[in-house]
Amino acid sequence: MIDDRDMALSSGVAAFEAKQFARALQHLTPLADEGIADAQYRLAIMYQNGLGVVRNEEAAVKWMRAAAEQGLGFMYLEGECVEKDPGAAVKWFRLAAEQGLPGSQITLAMMYEQGNGVEEDLAEARKWYERAGIPSP
């Protein structure tokens, strides 16, 4: 089942590939803010090269770092391309969460809630859920 986020990502990627960067920016920015690594990566490229936006090295670094950290967190969490290491996943999710990325904040909260890669800590889980704007369970 395709949800609105998947549709927006597909539209943003298609616009990016078609060099319709202003349209890509509209679709990808909200997704990047939610922590979608592919959207973050494409925004980094756009800011780095001034594609549809004013060239902004600071924004390019911010989005590239967020994409890398987001991707690395999931790679360690799932054991994709690297040995599964929930502790390392926590490290990368924390770095992205501290930058205010809601997707990473939620994942980090769940890891604290479940004791996955860290000791179970419901207070820490609540903190990260609240930072992401989600009522804690």
N, C-alpha and C. Protein backbone atom coordinates (compact mmCIF):
# COMPACT_ATOMS: atom_id res chain seq x y z
N MET A 1 0.84 -1.17 0.00
CA MET A 1 0.00 0.00 0.00
C MET A 1 0.89 1.25 0.00
N ILE A 2 0.61 2.17 -0.88
CA ILE A 2 1.38 3.40 -0.99
C ILE A 2 0.70 4.48 -0.17
N ASP A 3 1.47 5.11 0.73
CA ASP A 3 0.89 6.18 1.52
C ASP A 3 1.30 7.53 0.93
N ASP A 4 0.82 8.60 1.52
CA ASP A 4 1.10 9.95 1.02
C ASP A 4 2.59 10.25 1.02
N ARG A 5 3.30 9.77 2.03
CA ARG A 5 4.74 10.02 2.12
C ARG A 5 5.46 9.33 0.96
N ASP A 6 5.10 8.08 0.66
CA ASP A 6 5.72 7.37 -0.46
C ASP A 6 5.44 8.08 -1.78
N MET A 7 4.21 8.57 -1.92
CA MET A 7 3.82 9.29 -3.14
C MET A 7 4.62 10.59 -3.26
N ALA A 8 4.76 11.31 -2.15
CA ALA A 8 5.53 12.56 -2.18
C ALA A 8 6.99 12.28 -2.49
N LEU A 9 7.55 11.22 -1.93
CA LEU A 9 8.94 10.87 -2.21
C LEU A 9 9.10 10.51 -3.69
N SER A 10 8.20 9.70 -4.22
CA SER A 10 8.27 9.34 -5.64
C SER A 10 8.17 10.58 -6.52
N SER A 11 7.26 11.49 -6.17
CA SER A 11 7.11 12.72 -6.95
C SER A 11 8.35 13.59 -6.85
N GLY A 12 8.91 13.69 -5.64
CA GLY A 12 10.11 14.50 -5.45
C GLY A 12 11.30 13.93 -6.20
N VAL A 13 11.48 12.62 -6.15
CA VAL A 13 12.58 11.97 -6.85
C VAL A 13 12.40 12.15 -8.36
N ALA A 14 11.18 11.97 -8.85
CA ALA A 14 10.92 12.13 -10.28
C ALA A 14 11.22 13.56 -10.72
N ALA A 15 10.82 14.54 -9.92
CA ALA A 15 11.09 15.94 -10.25
C ALA A 15 12.60 16.20 -10.23
N PHE A 16 13.29 15.65 -9.25
CA PHE A 16 14.74 15.80 -9.15
C PHE A 16 15.41 15.23 -10.40
N GLU A 17 15.02 14.01 -10.78
CA GLU A 17 15.62 13.35 -11.94
C GLU A 17 15.30 14.09 -13.24
N ALA A 18 14.14 14.75 -13.28
CA ALA A 18 13.74 15.51 -14.47
C ALA A 18 14.31 16.93 -14.45
N LYS A 19 15.13 17.22 -13.43
CA LYS A 19 15.75 18.53 -13.27
C LYS A 19 14.73 19.64 -13.03
N GLN A 20 13.59 19.29 -12.45
CA GLN A 20 12.57 20.25 -12.05
C GLN A 20 12.78 20.51 -10.55
N PHE A 21 13.84 21.23 -10.25
CA PHE A 21 14.32 21.33 -8.89
C PHE A 21 13.40 22.11 -7.95
N ALA A 22 12.71 23.12 -8.46
CA ALA A 22 11.78 23.86 -7.59
C ALA A 22 10.66 22.93 -7.11
N ARG A 23 10.16 22.10 -8.02
CA ARG A 23 9.11 21.14 -7.65
C ARG A 23 9.68 20.06 -6.71
N ALA A 24 10.89 19.62 -7.00
CA ALA A 24 11.53 18.62 -6.14
C ALA A 24 11.68 19.17 -4.72
N LEU A 25 12.06 20.43 -4.62
CA LEU A 25 12.23 21.06 -3.32
C LEU A 25 10.92 21.04 -2.52
N GLN A 26 9.81 21.33 -3.19
CA GLN A 26 8.50 21.34 -2.52
C GLN A 26 8.16 19.97 -1.95
N HIS A 27 8.43 18.92 -2.70
CA HIS A 27 8.10 17.56 -2.26
C HIS A 27 9.08 17.03 -1.23
N LEU A 28 10.36 17.32 -1.42
CA LEU A 28 11.40 16.69 -0.61
C LEU A 28 11.65 17.35 0.73
N THR A 29 11.46 18.66 0.83
CA THR A 29 11.78 19.36 2.08
C THR A 29 10.99 18.81 3.28
N PRO A 30 9.65 18.68 3.17
CA PRO A 30 8.93 18.14 4.34
C PRO A 30 9.37 16.72 4.70
N LEU A 31 9.71 15.93 3.70
CA LEU A 31 10.16 14.56 3.95
C LEU A 31 11.53 14.55 4.60
N ALA A 32 12.41 15.44 4.16
CA ALA A 32 13.73 15.55 4.77
C ALA A 32 13.59 15.95 6.23
N ASP A 33 12.67 16.87 6.50
CA ASP A 33 12.43 17.30 7.88
C ASP A 33 11.93 16.14 8.74
N GLU A 34 11.24 15.19 8.13
CA GLU A 34 10.73 14.01 8.85
C GLU A 34 11.81 12.94 9.03
N GLY A 35 12.96 13.14 8.40
CA GLY A 35 14.04 12.19 8.57
C GLY A 35 14.17 11.15 7.47
N ILE A 36 13.58 11.40 6.30
CA ILE A 36 13.69 10.46 5.18
C ILE A 36 15.05 10.67 4.50
N ALA A 37 15.93 9.69 4.63
CA ALA A 37 17.32 9.83 4.18
C ALA A 37 17.43 10.16 2.70
N ASP A 38 16.63 9.54 1.84
CA ASP A 38 16.72 9.81 0.40
C ASP A 38 16.39 11.26 0.10
N ALA A 39 15.38 11.80 0.76
CA ALA A 39 15.02 13.22 0.58
C ALA A 39 16.14 14.11 1.10
N GLN A 40 16.73 13.76 2.22
CA GLN A 40 17.83 14.54 2.79
C GLN A 40 19.02 14.57 1.83
N TYR A 41 19.34 13.43 1.27
CA TYR A 41 20.47 13.33 0.35
C TYR A 41 20.25 14.21 -0.87
N ARG A 42 19.06 14.14 -1.45
CA ARG A 42 18.78 14.93 -2.65
C ARG A 42 18.78 16.43 -2.35
N LEU A 43 18.28 16.82 -1.19
CA LEU A 43 18.35 18.24 -0.80
C LEU A 43 19.80 18.68 -0.66
N ALA A 44 20.63 17.82 -0.09
CA ALA A 44 22.05 18.15 0.06
C ALA A 44 22.67 18.44 -1.31
N ILE A 45 22.38 17.61 -2.28
CA ILE A 45 22.90 17.80 -3.64
C ILE A 45 22.41 19.12 -4.22
N MET A 46 21.12 19.41 -4.01
CA MET A 46 20.55 20.65 -4.54
C MET A 46 21.22 21.87 -3.92
N TYR A 47 21.39 21.87 -2.59
CA TYR A 47 22.03 23.01 -1.93
C TYR A 47 23.51 23.11 -2.28
N GLN A 48 24.16 21.99 -2.42
CA GLN A 48 25.58 21.98 -2.75
C GLN A 48 25.84 22.61 -4.12
N ASN A 49 24.93 22.35 -5.05
CA ASN A 49 25.14 22.78 -6.44
C ASN A 49 24.25 23.94 -6.87
N GLY A 50 23.42 24.45 -5.97
CA GLY A 50 22.53 25.56 -6.32
C GLY A 50 21.48 25.16 -7.34
N LEU A 51 20.92 23.98 -7.17
CA LEU A 51 19.91 23.48 -8.10
C LEU A 51 18.51 23.81 -7.56
N GLY A 52 17.89 24.85 -8.09
CA GLY A 52 16.55 25.23 -7.66
C GLY A 52 16.54 26.03 -6.37
N VAL A 53 17.71 26.23 -5.79
CA VAL A 53 17.87 27.00 -4.55
C VAL A 53 19.17 27.79 -4.67
N VAL A 54 19.32 28.78 -3.82
CA VAL A 54 20.59 29.48 -3.74
C VAL A 54 21.61 28.51 -3.15
N ARG A 55 22.78 28.45 -3.76
CA ARG A 55 23.84 27.55 -3.27
C ARG A 55 24.11 27.87 -1.80
N ASN A 56 24.11 26.83 -0.96
CA ASN A 56 24.26 27.04 0.47
C ASN A 56 25.04 25.85 1.04
N GLU A 57 26.33 26.06 1.25
CA GLU A 57 27.18 24.96 1.71
C GLU A 57 26.78 24.47 3.10
N GLU A 58 26.36 25.38 3.96
CA GLU A 58 25.95 24.99 5.31
C GLU A 58 24.73 24.06 5.26
N ALA A 59 23.75 24.40 4.44
CA ALA A 59 22.58 23.55 4.30
C ALA A 59 22.95 22.22 3.65
N ALA A 60 23.86 22.27 2.68
CA ALA A 60 24.30 21.03 2.02
C ALA A 60 24.94 20.08 3.03
N VAL A 61 25.81 20.61 3.88
CA VAL A 61 26.46 19.78 4.89
C VAL A 61 25.44 19.24 5.88
N LYS A 62 24.52 20.10 6.31
CA LYS A 62 23.49 19.67 7.27
C LYS A 62 22.70 18.48 6.72
N TRP A 63 22.23 18.59 5.47
CA TRP A 63 21.39 17.53 4.91
C TRP A 63 22.21 16.28 4.58
N MET A 64 23.44 16.46 4.12
CA MET A 64 24.26 15.28 3.80
C MET A 64 24.59 14.52 5.07
N ARG A 65 24.93 15.25 6.13
CA ARG A 65 25.24 14.61 7.41
C ARG A 65 23.99 13.89 7.94
N ALA A 66 22.84 14.55 7.85
CA ALA A 66 21.61 13.93 8.34
C ALA A 66 21.30 12.65 7.58
N ALA A 67 21.48 12.69 6.26
CA ALA A 67 21.21 11.50 5.45
C ALA A 67 22.17 10.37 5.81
N ALA A 68 23.43 10.72 5.96
CA ALA A 68 24.42 9.70 6.30
C ALA A 68 24.13 9.10 7.67
N GLU A 69 23.84 9.96 8.62
CA GLU A 69 23.59 9.47 9.97
C GLU A 69 22.30 8.67 10.03
N GLN A 70 21.31 9.10 9.34
CA GLN A 70 20.04 8.38 9.29
C GLN A 70 20.26 7.00 8.66
N GLY A 71 20.96 7.01 7.54
CA GLY A 71 21.20 5.75 6.84
C GLY A 71 22.09 4.81 7.63
N LEU A 72 23.12 5.36 8.26
CA LEU A 72 24.02 4.52 9.04
C LEU A 72 23.30 3.92 10.24
N GLY A 73 22.44 4.71 10.85
CA GLY A 73 21.67 4.19 11.99
C GLY A 73 20.87 2.96 11.59
N PHE A 74 20.16 3.06 10.48
CA PHE A 74 19.35 1.92 10.04
C PHE A 74 20.22 0.77 9.57
N MET A 75 21.36 1.08 8.95
CA MET A 75 22.24 0.00 8.52
C MET A 75 22.72 -0.82 9.71
N TYR A 76 23.13 -0.15 10.78
CA TYR A 76 23.56 -0.86 11.98
C TYR A 76 22.38 -1.55 12.68
N LEU A 77 21.23 -0.91 12.68
CA LEU A 77 20.07 -1.49 13.34
C LEU A 77 19.63 -2.78 12.66
N GLU A 78 19.64 -2.79 11.33
CA GLU A 78 19.16 -3.94 10.57
C GLU A 78 20.27 -4.90 10.15
N GLY A 79 21.53 -4.48 10.28
CA GLY A 79 22.63 -5.32 9.84
C GLY A 79 22.77 -5.34 8.33
N GLU A 80 22.49 -4.20 7.67
CA GLU A 80 22.61 -4.11 6.22
C GLU A 80 23.96 -3.50 5.86
N CYS A 81 24.76 -4.22 5.13
CA CYS A 81 26.08 -3.80 4.66
C CYS A 81 27.12 -3.71 5.79
N VAL A 82 26.69 -3.80 7.00
CA VAL A 82 27.58 -3.81 8.17
C VAL A 82 27.04 -4.85 9.14
N GLU A 83 27.89 -5.25 10.08
CA GLU A 83 27.42 -6.19 11.10
C GLU A 83 26.37 -5.50 11.96
N LYS A 84 25.30 -6.22 12.27
CA LYS A 84 24.25 -5.66 13.10
C LYS A 84 24.83 -5.23 14.45
N ASP A 85 24.58 -3.97 14.82
CA ASP A 85 25.15 -3.42 16.04
C ASP A 85 24.19 -2.36 16.58
N PRO A 86 23.20 -2.77 17.38
CA PRO A 86 22.22 -1.81 17.91
C PRO A 86 22.87 -0.67 18.69
N GLY A 87 23.98 -0.92 19.38
CA GLY A 87 24.67 0.14 20.10
C GLY A 87 25.18 1.22 19.17
N ALA A 88 25.76 0.82 18.04
CA ALA A 88 26.22 1.79 17.04
C ALA A 88 25.03 2.51 16.41
N ALA A 89 23.93 1.79 16.22
CA ALA A 89 22.72 2.41 15.67
C ALA A 89 22.24 3.52 16.59
N VAL A 90 22.26 3.27 17.89
CA VAL A 90 21.84 4.30 18.87
C VAL A 90 22.71 5.54 18.71
N LYS A 91 24.01 5.34 18.56
CA LYS A 91 24.94 6.48 18.41
C LYS A 91 24.54 7.34 17.21
N TRP A 92 24.29 6.70 16.06
CA TRP A 92 23.97 7.46 14.86
C TRP A 92 22.58 8.09 14.93
N PHE A 93 21.62 7.37 15.50
CA PHE A 93 20.29 7.95 15.64
C PHE A 93 20.31 9.14 16.60
N ARG A 94 21.13 9.05 17.64
CA ARG A 94 21.23 10.17 18.59
C ARG A 94 21.79 11.41 17.89
N LEU A 95 22.83 11.23 17.08
CA LEU A 95 23.41 12.37 16.35
C LEU A 95 22.36 13.04 15.46
N ALA A 96 21.59 12.24 14.75
CA ALA A 96 20.55 12.81 13.89
C ALA A 96 19.41 13.40 14.72
N ALA A 97 19.04 12.73 15.82
CA ALA A 97 17.96 13.21 16.68
C ALA A 97 18.32 14.55 17.31
N GLU A 98 19.57 14.70 17.69
CA GLU A 98 20.01 15.95 18.30
C GLU A 98 19.97 17.11 17.31
N GLN A 99 19.95 16.80 16.02
CA GLN A 99 19.81 17.83 14.99
C GLN A 99 18.33 18.16 14.76
N GLY A 100 17.45 17.51 15.52
CA GLY A 100 16.03 17.82 15.42
C GLY A 100 15.27 17.01 14.39
N LEU A 101 15.81 15.89 13.94
CA LEU A 101 15.14 15.08 12.93
C LEU A 101 14.13 14.15 13.59
N PRO A 102 12.83 14.39 13.35
CA PRO A 102 11.79 13.62 14.03
C PRO A 102 11.87 12.11 13.82
N GLY A 103 12.21 11.67 12.62
CA GLY A 103 12.30 10.23 12.37
C GLY A 103 13.34 9.57 13.25
N SER A 104 14.47 10.22 13.41
CA SER A 104 15.53 9.70 14.27
C SER A 104 15.14 9.79 15.73
N GLN A 105 14.44 10.86 16.11
CA GLN A 105 13.99 11.01 17.49
C GLN A 105 13.03 9.88 17.86
N ILE A 106 12.12 9.55 16.96
CA ILE A 106 11.16 8.48 17.21
C ILE A 106 11.85 7.13 17.31
N THR A 107 12.77 6.87 16.38
CA THR A 107 13.49 5.59 16.41
C THR A 107 14.31 5.48 17.69
N LEU A 108 14.98 6.55 18.06
CA LEU A 108 15.76 6.54 19.30
C LEU A 108 14.85 6.30 20.50
N ALA A 109 13.70 6.94 20.52
CA ALA A 109 12.74 6.74 21.61
C ALA A 109 12.33 5.27 21.70
N MET A 110 12.03 4.67 20.55
CA MET A 110 11.62 3.26 20.54
C MET A 110 12.75 2.36 21.05
N MET A 111 13.99 2.70 20.70
CA MET A 111 15.12 1.89 21.14
C MET A 111 15.27 1.97 22.66
N TYR A 112 15.07 3.16 23.23
CA TYR A 112 15.09 3.28 24.69
C TYR A 112 13.91 2.56 25.32
N GLU A 113 12.76 2.65 24.69
CA GLU A 113 11.56 2.00 25.22
C GLU A 113 11.72 0.48 25.25
N GLN A 114 12.37 -0.06 24.22
CA GLN A 114 12.52 -1.51 24.09
C GLN A 114 13.83 -2.03 24.68
N GLY A 115 14.73 -1.13 25.06
CA GLY A 115 16.04 -1.58 25.54
C GLY A 115 16.85 -2.20 24.42
N ASN A 116 16.76 -1.64 23.23
CA ASN A 116 17.45 -2.16 22.05
C ASN A 116 18.71 -1.33 21.80
N GLY A 117 19.88 -1.88 22.15
CA GLY A 117 21.14 -1.17 21.96
C GLY A 117 21.51 -0.29 23.14
N VAL A 118 20.58 -0.11 24.05
CA VAL A 118 20.78 0.67 25.28
C VAL A 118 19.97 0.00 26.37
N GLU A 119 20.24 0.37 27.62
CA GLU A 119 19.39 -0.13 28.70
C GLU A 119 18.02 0.50 28.57
N GLU A 120 17.00 -0.27 28.87
CA GLU A 120 15.64 0.27 28.82
C GLU A 120 15.56 1.48 29.74
N ASP A 121 15.03 2.59 29.20
CA ASP A 121 14.94 3.83 29.97
C ASP A 121 13.70 4.57 29.48
N LEU A 122 12.58 4.36 30.19
CA LEU A 122 11.32 4.94 29.76
C LEU A 122 11.31 6.46 29.84
N ALA A 123 12.04 7.03 30.79
CA ALA A 123 12.11 8.49 30.88
C ALA A 123 12.83 9.06 29.65
N GLU A 124 13.90 8.42 29.24
CA GLU A 124 14.63 8.86 28.05
C GLU A 124 13.76 8.66 26.80
N ALA A 125 13.03 7.56 26.75
CA ALA A 125 12.12 7.32 25.62
C ALA A 125 11.08 8.44 25.54
N ARG A 126 10.47 8.77 26.68
CA ARG A 126 9.46 9.85 26.70
C ARG A 126 10.05 11.16 26.21
N LYS A 127 11.27 11.46 26.63
CA LYS A 127 11.94 12.70 26.23
C LYS A 127 12.03 12.79 24.71
N TRP A 128 12.45 11.69 24.08
CA TRP A 128 12.64 11.72 22.62
C TRP A 128 11.30 11.72 21.89
N TYR A 129 10.31 11.00 22.41
CA TYR A 129 8.98 11.06 21.80
C TYR A 129 8.46 12.49 21.84
N GLU A 130 8.61 13.15 22.98
CA GLU A 130 8.11 14.52 23.12
C GLU A 130 8.85 15.47 22.20
N ARG A 131 10.15 15.30 22.05
CA ARG A 131 10.90 16.15 21.12
C ARG A 131 10.41 15.97 19.69
N ALA A 132 9.95 14.77 19.38
CA ALA A 132 9.44 14.49 18.04
C ALA A 132 7.98 14.95 17.90
N GLY A 133 7.39 15.42 19.00
CA GLY A 133 6.02 15.90 18.93
C GLY A 133 5.00 14.79 19.03
N ILE A 134 5.39 13.66 19.61
CA ILE A 134 4.49 12.52 19.72
C ILE A 134 4.23 12.27 21.20
N PRO A 135 2.96 12.14 21.57
CA PRO A 135 2.67 11.81 22.97
C PRO A 135 3.31 10.46 23.32
N SER A 136 4.00 10.42 24.43
CA SER A 136 4.68 9.17 24.78
C SER A 136 3.66 8.14 25.25
N PRO A 137 3.94 6.88 24.94
CA PRO A 137 3.02 5.80 25.32
C PRO A 137 2.99 5.58 26.83
